[in-house]
Amino acid sequence: MRLIVGLGNPGAKYAGNRHNIGFMAVDRIAEDHGFGAWKSKFQGLMAEGRLGSEKVVLLKPETFMNLSGQSVGEAMRFYKLEPEDVIVLHDEIDLAPAKLRCKQGGGHAGHNGLRSVHGHIGESYNRVRLGVGHPGRKEAVPGYVLRDFAKADQDWLDDMLRGISDGAAHLAEGDWGKFQNAVALRVNPPRSGTGTAKGGASGEKPAAATKAKETGTPQPKPAPKPDPVPEPDTRSALQKLVEKFK
């Protein structure tokens, strides 16, 4: 069983904040994977369901960010889980927007939500760091994370949340590689037209033709074949004269 926690602040005032990307992620998972209705429990909102082979509880603490650990600790103890069974999704200013990293254990790097979780369950839980970018100055960080995502952020944000939902079963099963690949396929999808073209035994066009097509330069026409060299006339003068009057 897994406890997957999204960090954020409760209420409509904070719903679109960068600090609430954890809430957004678990909301998307619950919606896409048919989880039950959100219920008030563990000083937060929780929903139950399955991801792949794993039974999963999603949790959004409503204690406000700085006290998130109270809710997480209560839920963990109720389900008799270990910290290693807990996955926390949170905003990360030290990652560029749309970047994502998974890790287990380690410090809280000054994140108040993680600091609280550390205080209640220790540091060996798993976390998914969701990049939101950095404002550039340390003193600007509080105001930055408590502002809504800009309109220019909406496309990559939607792709990232969809990718998290796509890979949610891998996340619950602890397969970080497949989970991160699922997100990458949404954020940076492969370019179309990469299949092999028809032509030739291997289906590949000659390199010169391909290069000419890419650069727009015409291919040089093949040089004309030289006329055949006539064989030398070895007839005698008399034979030529006879042939002439035949």
Protein backbone atom coordinates (compact mmCIF):
# COMPACT_ATOMS: atom_id res chain seq x y z
CA MET A 1 0.00 0.00 0.00
CA ARG A 2 1.14 3.52 -0.76
CA LEU A 3 0.32 6.90 0.74
CA ILE A 4 0.78 9.56 -1.96
CA VAL A 5 0.72 13.09 -0.57
CA GLY A 6 0.40 16.32 -2.51
CA LEU A 7 1.57 19.42 -0.65
CA GLY A 8 -0.19 22.77 -0.85
CA ASN A 9 -2.38 25.24 1.00
CA PRO A 10 -6.16 24.79 1.36
CA GLY A 11 -8.76 27.18 -0.03
CA ALA A 12 -9.60 28.86 -3.34
CA LYS A 13 -7.20 31.73 -2.59
CA TYR A 14 -4.20 29.42 -3.01
CA ALA A 15 -5.55 26.92 -5.56
CA GLY A 16 -3.56 28.24 -8.52
CA ASN A 17 -0.31 28.99 -6.64
CA ARG A 18 3.01 27.46 -7.60
CA HIS A 19 3.19 26.18 -4.02
CA ASN A 20 0.08 24.09 -4.74
CA ILE A 21 1.42 22.02 -7.63
CA GLY A 22 1.42 18.98 -5.31
CA PHE A 23 -2.34 19.37 -4.77
CA MET A 24 -2.80 19.74 -8.53
CA ALA A 25 -0.89 16.52 -9.21
CA VAL A 26 -2.90 14.32 -6.83
CA ASP A 27 -6.14 15.90 -8.07
CA ARG A 28 -5.24 14.85 -11.61
CA ILE A 29 -4.36 11.32 -10.50
CA ALA A 30 -7.66 10.97 -8.60
CA GLU A 31 -9.69 12.25 -11.56
CA ASP A 32 -8.00 10.17 -14.24
CA HIS A 33 -7.81 6.90 -12.30
CA GLY A 34 -11.31 6.74 -10.87
CA PHE A 35 -10.51 7.25 -7.19
CA GLY A 36 -13.34 7.56 -4.69
CA ALA A 37 -14.68 10.91 -3.53
CA TRP A 38 -12.45 13.11 -1.39
CA LYS A 39 -13.26 12.77 2.33
CA SER A 40 -12.21 14.83 5.33
CA LYS A 41 -9.79 12.76 7.39
CA PHE A 42 -6.31 12.98 8.91
CA GLN A 43 -6.55 16.81 9.08
CA GLY A 44 -6.81 16.80 5.31
CA LEU A 45 -8.69 15.42 2.31
CA MET A 46 -8.11 11.79 1.34
CA ALA A 47 -9.26 9.56 -1.52
CA GLU A 48 -8.78 5.82 -1.98
CA GLY A 49 -8.21 3.81 -5.14
CA ARG A 50 -5.77 1.58 -7.01
CA LEU A 51 -2.83 2.32 -9.26
CA GLY A 52 -1.70 -0.79 -11.10
CA SER A 53 -1.36 -3.55 -8.52
CA GLU A 54 -1.09 -1.14 -5.57
CA LYS A 55 -3.80 0.05 -3.21
CA VAL A 56 -3.25 3.80 -2.82
CA VAL A 57 -4.45 6.56 -0.53
CA LEU A 58 -4.12 10.10 -1.88
CA LEU A 59 -3.81 12.86 0.72
CA LYS A 60 -3.99 16.66 0.61
CA PRO A 61 -3.13 18.08 4.07
CA GLU A 62 -5.38 21.00 5.05
CA THR A 63 -3.15 22.15 7.90
CA PHE A 64 -1.46 24.73 5.64
CA MET A 65 1.98 24.01 4.24
CA ASN A 66 4.03 24.65 7.38
CA LEU A 67 2.15 21.96 9.35
CA SER A 68 1.77 19.35 6.61
CA GLY A 69 3.61 16.72 8.65
CA GLN A 70 0.78 16.51 11.18
CA SER A 71 -1.60 15.20 8.53
CA VAL A 72 0.97 12.91 6.88
CA GLY A 73 2.03 11.37 10.20
CA GLU A 74 -1.55 10.73 11.27
CA ALA A 75 -2.42 8.97 8.01
CA MET A 76 0.78 6.92 8.03
CA ARG A 77 0.15 5.66 11.56
CA PHE A 78 -3.51 4.86 10.83
CA TYR A 79 -2.59 2.59 7.91
CA LYS A 80 0.45 1.19 9.78
CA LEU A 81 2.81 2.25 7.00
CA GLU A 82 6.54 2.89 7.06
CA PRO A 83 8.08 6.18 5.83
CA GLU A 84 9.33 4.27 2.76
CA ASP A 85 5.66 3.69 1.78
CA VAL A 86 5.03 7.45 1.65
CA ILE A 87 5.52 9.53 -1.52
CA VAL A 88 5.32 13.32 -1.26
CA LEU A 89 4.84 15.51 -4.35
CA HIS A 90 5.93 19.12 -3.88
CA ASP A 91 7.06 22.28 -5.66
CA GLU A 92 10.80 22.68 -6.23
CA ILE A 93 12.27 26.09 -6.99
CA ASP A 94 15.74 24.64 -7.69
CA LEU A 95 14.44 22.84 -10.78
CA ALA A 96 13.46 24.57 -14.01
CA PRO A 97 9.76 24.60 -14.91
CA ALA A 98 8.53 21.21 -16.23
CA LYS A 99 11.56 19.38 -14.81
CA LEU A 100 10.93 16.54 -12.38
CA ARG A 101 13.16 14.47 -10.11
CA CYS A 102 12.48 11.56 -7.74
CA LYS A 103 14.49 10.79 -4.64
CA GLN A 104 14.31 8.95 -1.35
CA GLY A 105 15.58 10.49 1.86
CA GLY A 106 17.79 13.53 2.16
CA GLY A 107 17.26 17.03 3.49
CA HIS A 108 14.32 19.37 3.14
CA ALA A 109 16.35 22.19 1.48
CA GLY A 110 14.39 24.83 3.38
CA HIS A 111 10.99 23.75 2.02
CA ASN A 112 8.58 24.38 4.91
CA GLY A 113 6.24 21.55 3.97
CA LEU A 114 9.06 19.02 3.84
CA ARG A 115 10.52 20.42 7.06
CA SER A 116 7.25 19.61 8.79
CA VAL A 117 7.04 16.12 7.26
CA HIS A 118 10.63 15.46 8.40
CA GLY A 119 9.63 16.43 11.94
CA HIS A 120 6.76 13.94 12.05
CA ILE A 121 7.92 10.87 10.10
CA GLY A 122 11.68 11.30 9.61
CA GLU A 123 13.51 11.78 6.34
CA SER A 124 13.44 8.35 4.68
CA TYR A 125 10.17 8.93 2.79
CA ASN A 126 10.09 9.34 -0.99
CA ARG A 127 9.57 12.64 -2.69
CA VAL A 128 8.82 13.84 -6.22
CA ARG A 129 10.28 17.28 -6.85
CA LEU A 130 8.19 19.27 -9.33
CA GLY A 131 10.15 22.12 -10.90
CA VAL A 132 8.50 25.55 -10.86
CA GLY A 133 11.58 27.69 -11.47
CA HIS A 134 13.31 30.29 -9.29
CA PRO A 135 12.55 34.03 -9.15
CA GLY A 136 16.29 34.81 -9.15
CA ARG A 137 16.57 36.34 -5.69
CA LYS A 138 16.25 34.49 -2.38
CA GLU A 139 14.14 37.20 -0.77
CA ALA A 140 11.63 36.96 -3.64
CA VAL A 141 10.94 33.23 -3.13
CA PRO A 142 7.98 33.48 -0.67
CA GLY A 143 6.04 35.85 -2.89
CA TYR A 144 6.95 33.85 -6.00
CA VAL A 145 5.66 30.47 -4.78
CA LEU A 146 2.50 32.06 -3.35
CA ARG A 147 1.55 33.57 -6.72
CA ASP A 148 -0.47 31.80 -9.37
CA PHE A 149 1.21 30.21 -12.36
CA ALA A 150 1.41 32.65 -15.25
CA LYS A 151 -0.63 32.12 -18.42
CA ALA A 152 2.60 31.30 -20.23
CA ASP A 153 3.09 28.37 -17.83
CA GLN A 154 -0.22 26.68 -18.52
CA ASP A 155 0.86 24.50 -21.45
CA TRP A 156 3.87 22.90 -19.79
CA LEU A 157 2.01 22.66 -16.48
CA ASP A 158 -0.84 20.74 -18.09
CA ASP A 159 1.62 18.44 -19.89
CA MET A 160 3.47 17.77 -16.65
CA LEU A 161 0.31 16.95 -14.70
CA ARG A 162 -0.91 14.65 -17.48
CA GLY A 163 2.46 12.92 -17.50
CA ILE A 164 2.33 12.40 -13.75
CA SER A 165 -1.09 10.80 -14.18
CA ASP A 166 0.14 8.67 -17.09
CA GLY A 167 2.96 7.29 -14.96
CA ALA A 168 1.06 7.10 -11.66
CA ALA A 169 1.01 3.28 -11.58
CA HIS A 170 4.80 3.19 -12.02
CA LEU A 171 5.12 5.77 -9.25
CA ALA A 172 3.04 3.63 -6.87
CA GLU A 173 5.10 0.56 -7.77
CA GLY A 174 8.36 2.40 -7.12
CA ASP A 175 9.61 2.28 -10.71
CA TRP A 176 11.09 5.78 -10.89
CA GLY A 177 12.56 5.29 -14.35
CA LYS A 178 9.27 4.38 -16.04
CA PHE A 179 7.46 7.09 -14.11
CA GLN A 180 9.89 9.79 -15.23
CA ASN A 181 9.76 8.48 -18.81
CA ALA A 182 5.98 8.85 -18.82
CA VAL A 183 6.30 12.48 -17.76
CA ALA A 184 9.03 13.14 -20.33
CA LEU A 185 6.83 11.75 -23.13
CA ARG A 186 4.21 14.36 -22.30
CA VAL A 187 6.55 17.29 -21.72
CA ASN A 188 8.95 16.51 -24.59
CA PRO A 189 7.11 14.19 -27.03
CA PRO A 190 9.19 12.60 -29.82
CA ARG A 191 9.12 14.41 -33.13
CA SER A 192 6.88 12.96 -35.81
CA GLY A 193 8.25 11.58 -39.11
CA THR A 194 11.08 9.60 -37.57
CA GLY A 195 10.08 6.31 -39.25
CA THR A 196 12.11 4.90 -42.11
CA ALA A 197 11.13 6.02 -45.57
CA LYS A 198 10.29 3.68 -48.38
CA GLY A 199 12.86 2.84 -51.04
CA GLY A 200 15.75 0.42 -51.38
CA ALA A 201 16.16 -2.94 -49.74
CA SER A 202 16.51 -1.40 -46.28
CA GLY A 203 13.78 1.23 -46.79
CA GLU A 204 16.31 4.09 -46.57
CA LYS A 205 16.89 6.74 -49.18
CA PRO A 206 20.44 7.32 -50.41
CA ALA A 207 22.32 9.76 -48.22
CA ALA A 208 22.82 12.26 -51.07
CA ALA A 209 19.09 12.33 -51.84
CA THR A 210 18.20 12.78 -48.19
CA LYS A 211 20.71 15.62 -47.78
CA ALA A 212 19.47 17.35 -50.91
CA LYS A 213 15.89 17.15 -49.69
CA GLU A 214 16.81 18.56 -46.28
CA THR A 215 18.86 21.45 -47.66
CA GLY A 216 16.62 22.19 -50.66
CA THR A 217 19.53 22.04 -53.09
CA PRO A 218 18.98 20.19 -56.42
CA GLN A 219 20.90 16.99 -56.96
CA PRO A 220 23.42 17.07 -59.84
CA LYS A 221 22.29 15.13 -62.90
CA PRO A 222 24.37 12.06 -63.73
CA ALA A 223 27.03 12.66 -66.38
CA PRO A 224 26.00 11.37 -69.89
CA LYS A 225 27.59 8.13 -70.99
CA PRO A 226 30.30 8.62 -73.67
CA ASP A 227 29.56 7.41 -77.21
CA PRO A 228 31.10 4.03 -77.99
CA VAL A 229 34.50 4.20 -79.69
CA PRO A 230 34.18 2.85 -83.32
CA GLU A 231 36.26 -0.17 -84.16
CA PRO A 232 39.16 0.48 -86.64
CA ASP A 233 38.41 -0.28 -90.35
CA THR A 234 40.87 -3.00 -91.39
CA ARG A 235 39.59 -3.51 -94.95
CA SER A 236 41.95 -3.08 -97.91
CA ALA A 237 41.37 -0.37 -100.56
CA LEU A 238 40.14 -3.00 -103.03
CA GLN A 239 37.63 -4.39 -100.49
CA LYS A 240 36.33 -0.90 -99.80
CA LEU A 241 35.89 -0.28 -103.55
CA VAL A 242 34.00 -3.56 -103.99
CA GLU A 243 31.74 -2.78 -101.02
CA LYS A 244 30.97 0.63 -102.47
CA PHE A 245 29.57 -0.80 -105.71
CA LYS A 246 27.58 -3.67 -104.24
